[in-house]
PDB file of N, CA and C in Angstrom:
ATOM      1  N   MET A   1     106.766 105.770  84.535  1.00  0.00           N
ATOM      2  CA  MET A   1     107.122 105.562  85.882  1.00  0.00           C
ATOM      3  C   MET A   1     108.619 105.274  85.968  1.00  0.00           C
ATOM      4  N   SER A   2     109.251 105.967  86.938  1.00  0.00           N
ATOM      5  CA  SER A   2     110.671 105.802  87.089  1.00  0.00           C
ATOM      6  C   SER A   2     111.056 104.412  87.533  1.00  0.00           C
ATOM      7  N   SER A   3     112.288 104.017  87.211  1.00  0.00           N
ATOM      8  CA  SER A   3     112.733 102.655  87.578  1.00  0.00           C
ATOM      9  C   SER A   3     112.851 102.634  89.127  1.00  0.00           C
ATOM     10  N   ASP A   4     113.095 103.719  89.783  1.00  0.00           N
ATOM     11  CA  ASP A   4     113.185 103.726  91.234  1.00  0.00           C
ATOM     12  C   ASP A   4     111.836 103.433  91.897  1.00  0.00           C
ATOM     13  N   ARG A   5     110.803 104.018  91.305  1.00  0.00           N
ATOM     14  CA  ARG A   5     109.418 103.815  91.804  1.00  0.00           C
ATOM     15  C   ARG A   5     109.002 102.321  91.554  1.00  0.00           C
ATOM     16  N   LEU A   6     109.376 101.809  90.424  1.00  0.00           N
ATOM     17  CA  LEU A   6     109.039 100.429  90.030  1.00  0.00           C
ATOM     18  C   LEU A   6     109.757  99.467  91.013  1.00  0.00           C
ATOM     19  N   SER A   7     111.011  99.766  91.273  1.00  0.00           N
ATOM     20  CA  SER A   7     111.790  98.943  92.195  1.00  0.00           C
ATOM     21  C   SER A   7     111.178  98.960  93.633  1.00  0.00           C
ATOM     22  N   ASP A   8     110.715 100.142  94.066  1.00  0.00           N
ATOM     23  CA  ASP A   8     110.098 100.259  95.371  1.00  0.00           C
ATOM     24  C   ASP A   8     108.854  99.455  95.433  1.00  0.00           C
ATOM     25  N   LEU A   9     107.991  99.552  94.402  1.00  0.00           N
ATOM     26  CA  LEU A   9     106.761  98.804  94.364  1.00  0.00           C
ATOM     27  C   LEU A   9     107.012  97.291  94.375  1.00  0.00           C
ATOM     28  N   GLU A  10     108.010  96.900  93.683  1.00  0.00           N
ATOM     29  CA  GLU A  10     108.348  95.434  93.684  1.00  0.00           C
ATOM     30  C   GLU A  10     108.765  94.971  95.099  1.00  0.00           C
ATOM     31  N   LYS A  11     109.581  95.767  95.744  1.00  0.00           N
ATOM     32  CA  LYS A  11     109.907  95.443  97.124  1.00  0.00           C
ATOM     33  C   LYS A  11     108.728  95.319  98.045  1.00  0.00           C
ATOM     34  N   ILE A  12     107.818  96.309  97.880  1.00  0.00           N
ATOM     35  CA  ILE A  12     106.591  96.288  98.702  1.00  0.00           C
ATOM     36  C   ILE A  12     105.783  94.997  98.385  1.00  0.00           C
ATOM     37  N   LEU A  13     105.639  94.676  97.165  1.00  0.00           N
ATOM     38  CA  LEU A  13     104.838  93.468  96.800  1.00  0.00           C
ATOM     39  C   LEU A  13     105.499  92.205  97.337  1.00  0.00           C
ATOM     40  N   THR A  14     106.824  92.138  97.208  1.00  0.00           N
ATOM     41  CA  THR A  14     107.574  91.043  97.768  1.00  0.00           C
ATOM     42  C   THR A  14     107.348  90.864  99.217  1.00  0.00           C
ATOM     43  N   ASN A  15     107.411  91.956  99.900  1.00  0.00           N
ATOM     44  CA  ASN A  15     107.176  91.942 101.355  1.00  0.00           C
ATOM     45  C   ASN A  15     105.787  91.503 101.712  1.00  0.00           C
ATOM     46  N   TYR A  16     104.773  91.942 100.978  1.00  0.00           N
ATOM     47  CA  TYR A  16     103.368  91.536 101.226  1.00  0.00           C
ATOM     48  C   TYR A  16     103.228  89.988 100.915  1.00  0.00           C
ATOM     49  N   ARG A  17     103.861  89.559  99.863  1.00  0.00           N
ATOM     50  CA  ARG A  17     103.767  88.151  99.544  1.00  0.00           C
ATOM     51  C   ARG A  17     104.422  87.256 100.594  1.00  0.00           C
ATOM     52  N   LYS A  18     105.572  87.672 101.164  1.00  0.00           N
ATOM     53  CA  LYS A  18     106.196  86.952 102.168  1.00  0.00           C
ATOM     54  C   LYS A  18     105.269  86.916 103.439  1.00  0.00           C
ATOM     55  N   GLN A  19     104.640  88.038 103.715  1.00  0.00           N
ATOM     56  CA  GLN A  19     103.711  88.015 104.888  1.00  0.00           C
ATOM     57  C   GLN A  19     102.633  87.055 104.740  1.00  0.00           C
ATOM     58  N   VAL A  20     101.945  87.108 103.509  1.00  0.00           N
ATOM     59  CA  VAL A  20     100.843  86.183 103.215  1.00  0.00           C
ATOM     60  C   VAL A  20     101.349  84.758 103.315  1.00  0.00           C
ATOM     61  N   SER A  21     102.444  84.476 102.782  1.00  0.00           N
ATOM     62  CA  SER A  21     103.004  83.085 102.820  1.00  0.00           C
ATOM     63  C   SER A  21     103.151  82.619 104.270  1.00  0.00           C
ATOM     64  N   GLY A  22     103.765  83.493 105.097  1.00  0.00           N
ATOM     65  CA  GLY A  22     104.009  83.147 106.467  1.00  0.00           C
ATOM     66  C   GLY A  22     102.660  82.856 107.234  1.00  0.00           C
ATOM     67  N   LYS A  23     101.733  83.782 106.934  1.00  0.00           N
ATOM     68  CA  LYS A  23     100.399  83.591 107.650  1.00  0.00           C
ATOM     69  C   LYS A  23      99.715  82.305 107.218  1.00  0.00           C
ATOM     70  N   GLU A  24      99.812  81.994 105.925  1.00  0.00           N
ATOM     71  CA  GLU A  24      99.187  80.755 105.400  1.00  0.00           C
ATOM     72  C   GLU A  24      99.856  79.517 106.057  1.00  0.00           C
ATOM     73  N   LEU A  25     101.153  79.628 106.223  1.00  0.00           N
ATOM     74  CA  LEU A  25     101.878  78.521 106.863  1.00  0.00           C
ATOM     75  C   LEU A  25     101.409  78.456 108.355  1.00  0.00           C
ATOM     76  N   THR A  26     101.228  79.570 108.943  1.00  0.00           N
ATOM     77  CA  THR A  26     100.768  79.605 110.382  1.00  0.00           C
ATOM     78  C   THR A  26      99.375  78.926 110.531  1.00  0.00           C
ATOM     79  N   LEU A  27      98.564  79.112 109.512  1.00  0.00           N
ATOM     80  CA  LEU A  27      97.198  78.496 109.601  1.00  0.00           C
ATOM     81  C   LEU A  27      97.277  76.980 109.826  1.00  0.00           C
ATOM     82  N   THR A  28      98.308  76.375 109.317  1.00  0.00           N
ATOM     83  CA  THR A  28      98.377  74.879 109.475  1.00  0.00           C
ATOM     84  C   THR A  28      98.630  74.438 110.892  1.00  0.00           C
ATOM     85  N   THR A  29      99.178  75.348 111.695  1.00  0.00           N
ATOM     86  CA  THR A  29      99.559  74.927 113.094  1.00  0.00           C
ATOM     87  C   THR A  29      98.783  75.736 114.154  1.00  0.00           C
ATOM     88  N   THR A  30      97.865  76.611 113.706  1.00  0.00           N
ATOM     89  CA  THR A  30      97.191  77.443 114.643  1.00  0.00           C
ATOM     90  C   THR A  30      95.902  76.779 115.192  1.00  0.00           C
ATOM     91  N   PRO A  31      95.560  77.045 116.454  1.00  0.00           N
ATOM     92  CA  PRO A  31      94.304  76.501 116.988  1.00  0.00           C
ATOM     93  C   PRO A  31      93.125  77.089 116.233  1.00  0.00           C
ATOM     94  N   ASP A  32      92.048  76.336 116.170  1.00  0.00           N
ATOM     95  CA  ASP A  32      90.887  76.796 115.373  1.00  0.00           C
ATOM     96  C   ASP A  32      90.389  78.144 115.786  1.00  0.00           C
ATOM     97  N   GLU A  33      90.438  78.482 117.095  1.00  0.00           N
ATOM     98  CA  GLU A  33      89.916  79.756 117.542  1.00  0.00           C
ATOM     99  C   GLU A  33      90.657  80.942 117.006  1.00  0.00           C
ATOM    100  N   ASP A  34      91.907  80.771 116.530  1.00  0.00           N
ATOM    101  CA  ASP A  34      92.740  81.832 115.915  1.00  0.00           C
ATOM    102  C   ASP A  34      92.705  81.932 114.398  1.00  0.00           C
ATOM    103  N   LYS A  35      92.172  80.880 113.795  1.00  0.00           N
ATOM    104  CA  LYS A  35      92.268  80.784 112.298  1.00  0.00           C
ATOM    105  C   LYS A  35      91.552  81.910 111.594  1.00  0.00           C
ATOM    106  N   GLU A  36      90.304  82.249 112.121  1.00  0.00           N
ATOM    107  CA  GLU A  36      89.525  83.246 111.467  1.00  0.00           C
ATOM    108  C   GLU A  36      90.251  84.591 111.453  1.00  0.00           C
ATOM    109  N   ARG A  37      90.856  84.926 112.569  1.00  0.00           N
ATOM    110  CA  ARG A  37      91.595  86.197 112.678  1.00  0.00           C
ATOM    111  C   ARG A  37      92.726  86.213 111.669  1.00  0.00           C
ATOM    112  N   ILE A  38      93.495  85.135 111.523  1.00  0.00           N
ATOM    113  CA  ILE A  38      94.594  85.023 110.579  1.00  0.00           C
ATOM    114  C   ILE A  38      94.090  85.127 109.129  1.00  0.00           C
ATOM    115  N   LYS A  39      92.923  84.453 108.877  1.00  0.00           N
ATOM    116  CA  LYS A  39      92.377  84.567 107.516  1.00  0.00           C
ATOM    117  C   LYS A  39      91.962  86.013 107.148  1.00  0.00           C
ATOM    118  N   LEU A  40      91.456  86.717 108.131  1.00  0.00           N
ATOM    119  CA  LEU A  40      91.134  88.127 107.933  1.00  0.00           C
ATOM    120  C   LEU A  40      92.394  88.913 107.628  1.00  0.00           C
ATOM    121  N   GLN A  41      93.507  88.656 108.370  1.00  0.00           N
ATOM    122  CA  GLN A  41      94.753  89.300 108.069  1.00  0.00           C
ATOM    123  C   GLN A  41      95.282  89.002 106.687  1.00  0.00           C
ATOM    124  N   ILE A  42      95.149  87.767 106.279  1.00  0.00           N
ATOM    125  CA  ILE A  42      95.586  87.385 104.875  1.00  0.00           C
ATOM    126  C   ILE A  42      94.751  88.151 103.878  1.00  0.00           C
ATOM    127  N   ALA A  43      93.432  88.185 104.063  1.00  0.00           N
ATOM    128  CA  ALA A  43      92.558  88.929 103.151  1.00  0.00           C
ATOM    129  C   ALA A  43      92.962  90.421 103.051  1.00  0.00           C
ATOM    130  N   LYS A  44      93.294  91.024 104.183  1.00  0.00           N
ATOM    131  CA  LYS A  44      93.694  92.376 104.169  1.00  0.00           C
ATOM    132  C   LYS A  44      94.997  92.571 103.413  1.00  0.00           C
ATOM    133  N   LEU A  45      95.941  91.647 103.646  1.00  0.00           N
ATOM    134  CA  LEU A  45      97.207  91.762 102.920  1.00  0.00           C
ATOM    135  C   LEU A  45      96.974  91.599 101.381  1.00  0.00           C
ATOM    136  N   LYS A  46      96.110  90.655 100.990  1.00  0.00           N
ATOM    137  CA  LYS A  46      95.820  90.486  99.586  1.00  0.00           C
ATOM    138  C   LYS A  46      95.176  91.678  98.964  1.00  0.00           C
ATOM    139  N   THR A  47      94.376  92.412  99.762  1.00  0.00           N
ATOM    140  CA  THR A  47      93.786  93.646  99.312  1.00  0.00           C
ATOM    141  C   THR A  47      94.895  94.698  99.095  1.00  0.00           C
ATOM    142  N   GLU A  48      95.843  94.748  99.995  1.00  0.00           N
ATOM    143  CA  GLU A  48      96.961  95.712  99.812  1.00  0.00           C
ATOM    144  C   GLU A  48      97.753  95.365  98.585  1.00  0.00           C
ATOM    145  N   ILE A  49      98.000  94.001  98.370  1.00  0.00           N
ATOM    146  CA  ILE A  49      98.662  93.593  97.132  1.00  0.00           C
ATOM    147  C   ILE A  49      97.944  94.067  95.922  1.00  0.00           C
ATOM    148  N   ALA A  50      96.627  93.949  95.876  1.00  0.00           N
ATOM    149  CA  ALA A  50      95.846  94.337  94.748  1.00  0.00           C
ATOM    150  C   ALA A  50      95.975  95.820  94.498  1.00  0.00           C
ATOM    151  N   LYS A  51      95.950  96.601  95.593  1.00  0.00           N
ATOM    152  CA  LYS A  51      96.086  98.056  95.438  1.00  0.00           C
ATOM    153  C   LYS A  51      97.463  98.476  94.914  1.00  0.00           C
ATOM    154  N   SER A  52      98.457  97.725  95.390  1.00  0.00           N
ATOM    155  CA  SER A  52      99.814  98.035  94.886  1.00  0.00           C
ATOM    156  C   SER A  52     100.004  97.604  93.486  1.00  0.00           C
ATOM    157  N   ASN A  53      99.342  96.565  93.044  1.00  0.00           N
ATOM    158  CA  ASN A  53      99.426  96.151  91.661  1.00  0.00           C
ATOM    159  C   ASN A  53      98.818  97.198  90.732  1.00  0.00           C
ATOM    160  N   THR A  54      97.830  97.914  91.162  1.00  0.00           N
ATOM    161  CA  THR A  54      97.233  98.912  90.321  1.00  0.00           C
ATOM    162  C   THR A  54      98.077 100.114  90.239  1.00  0.00           C
ATOM    163  N   SER A  55      99.033 100.254  91.102  1.00  0.00           N
ATOM    164  CA  SER A  55      99.990 101.433  91.055  1.00  0.00           C
ATOM    165  C   SER A  55     100.971 101.322  89.894  1.00  0.00           C
ATOM    166  N   PHE A  56     101.150 100.115  89.378  1.00  0.00           N
ATOM    167  CA  PHE A  56     102.049  99.936  88.201  1.00  0.00           C
ATOM    168  C   PHE A  56     101.482 100.675  87.099  1.00  0.00           C
TER     169      PHE A  56
END
């Protein structure tokens, strides 16, 4: 795998991780009726992270 591809994948993973972190922080201040939606978004992002990790 080229170093450019590896660098791109690392950037993608970093972006996903930042998104998950932000959503997890949001859960602490979100009304209960919105929490399930955010948890689903987090789960989707974690699935994308797992898919990206298998690209290495």
